[in-house]
């Protein structure tokens, strides 16, 4: 009988969702840059993209910190990175 580890499934879904959010943000920024005839780099500097990228990277770091199949110090590093991206997301929200 196959037993599904639901916690592992959830944590892996979180970091995959984070990368999907980041990819969607990059794709939309590329679309907007082409429509507005500005450079992709300039579009990435807009506050809206900063929020999307911070949230995507936050989900990615939270998912990897929670996977549990790594040593404790790696979880600490991923958690610290998640806090940094949470701070960036908060700052991006405040700047809107």
Protein backbone atom coordinates (compact mmCIF):
# COMPACT_ATOMS: atom_id res chain seq x y z
CA UNK A 1 0.00 0.00 0.00
CA UNK A 2 1.29 3.45 -0.95
CA UNK A 3 1.13 6.06 1.77
CA UNK A 4 1.20 9.71 0.74
CA UNK A 5 3.15 12.08 2.95
CA UNK A 6 0.68 15.00 2.84
CA UNK A 7 2.95 17.42 4.68
CA UNK A 8 5.76 16.80 2.20
CA UNK A 9 3.29 17.23 -0.65
CA UNK A 10 2.10 20.55 0.79
CA UNK A 11 5.60 21.94 1.35
CA UNK A 12 6.68 20.99 -2.15
CA UNK A 13 3.52 22.56 -3.56
CA UNK A 14 4.35 25.82 -1.75
CA UNK A 15 7.80 26.24 -3.29
CA UNK A 16 6.52 25.21 -6.72
CA UNK A 17 3.72 27.79 -6.37
CA UNK A 18 6.33 30.41 -5.46
CA UNK A 19 8.29 29.73 -8.63
CA UNK A 20 5.07 29.80 -10.66
CA UNK A 21 4.20 33.23 -9.22
CA UNK A 22 7.69 34.48 -10.06
CA UNK A 23 7.50 33.13 -13.61
CA UNK A 24 4.04 34.64 -14.12
CA UNK A 25 5.33 37.99 -12.86
CA UNK A 26 8.28 37.89 -15.25
CA UNK A 27 6.01 36.97 -18.14
CA UNK A 28 3.56 39.76 -17.37
CA UNK A 29 6.39 42.28 -16.97
CA UNK A 30 7.72 41.27 -20.39
CA UNK A 31 4.24 41.70 -21.87
CA UNK A 32 3.80 45.13 -20.28
CA UNK A 33 7.26 46.27 -21.38
CA UNK A 34 6.52 45.34 -24.98
CA UNK A 35 3.14 47.10 -24.87
CA UNK A 36 4.54 50.28 -23.31
CA UNK A 37 7.65 50.22 -25.53
CA UNK A 38 10.06 50.39 -22.62
CA UNK A 39 12.93 48.13 -21.72
CA UNK A 40 12.37 44.93 -19.79
CA UNK A 41 14.89 46.10 -17.19
CA UNK A 42 12.93 49.31 -16.65
CA UNK A 43 9.71 47.33 -16.28
CA UNK A 44 11.28 45.09 -13.63
CA UNK A 45 12.02 48.17 -11.52
CA UNK A 46 8.33 49.04 -11.18
CA UNK A 47 6.81 48.65 -7.68
CA UNK A 48 4.23 46.12 -8.87
CA UNK A 49 6.88 43.69 -10.00
CA UNK A 50 8.82 44.14 -6.77
CA UNK A 51 5.76 42.97 -4.85
CA UNK A 52 5.12 39.97 -7.10
CA UNK A 53 8.76 38.87 -7.10
CA UNK A 54 9.03 39.26 -3.32
CA UNK A 55 5.89 37.20 -2.74
CA UNK A 56 7.01 34.51 -5.18
CA UNK A 57 10.44 34.25 -3.58
CA UNK A 58 8.84 34.30 -0.12
CA UNK A 59 6.71 31.28 -1.00
CA UNK A 60 9.74 29.56 -2.51
CA UNK A 61 11.82 30.06 0.65
CA UNK A 62 9.00 29.06 3.00
CA UNK A 63 8.43 25.87 1.01
CA UNK A 64 12.09 24.92 1.06
CA UNK A 65 12.47 25.78 4.75
CA UNK A 66 9.56 23.49 5.61
CA UNK A 67 10.58 20.46 3.53
CA UNK A 68 12.36 18.92 6.49
CA UNK A 69 14.67 16.61 4.53
CA UNK A 70 17.72 18.80 5.14
CA UNK A 71 19.94 19.77 8.03
CA UNK A 72 18.73 22.34 10.55
CA UNK A 73 21.06 25.12 9.41
CA UNK A 74 19.66 24.99 5.87
CA UNK A 75 16.17 25.46 7.25
CA UNK A 76 17.43 28.44 9.25
CA UNK A 77 19.00 30.00 6.14
CA UNK A 78 15.80 29.48 4.10
CA UNK A 79 13.77 30.97 6.96
CA UNK A 80 16.03 34.04 7.13
CA UNK A 81 15.70 34.50 3.38
CA UNK A 82 11.92 34.18 3.73
CA UNK A 83 11.95 36.94 6.37
CA UNK A 84 14.01 39.15 4.05
CA UNK A 85 11.54 38.65 1.19
CA UNK A 86 8.60 39.24 3.55
CA UNK A 87 10.21 42.54 4.50
CA UNK A 88 10.68 43.44 0.82
CA UNK A 89 7.03 42.60 0.12
CA UNK A 90 5.91 44.78 3.02
CA UNK A 91 8.04 47.68 1.77
CA UNK A 92 6.64 47.23 -1.75
CA UNK A 93 3.08 47.32 -0.37
CA UNK A 94 3.84 50.50 1.57
CA UNK A 95 5.28 52.17 -1.56
CA UNK A 96 2.13 51.57 -3.61
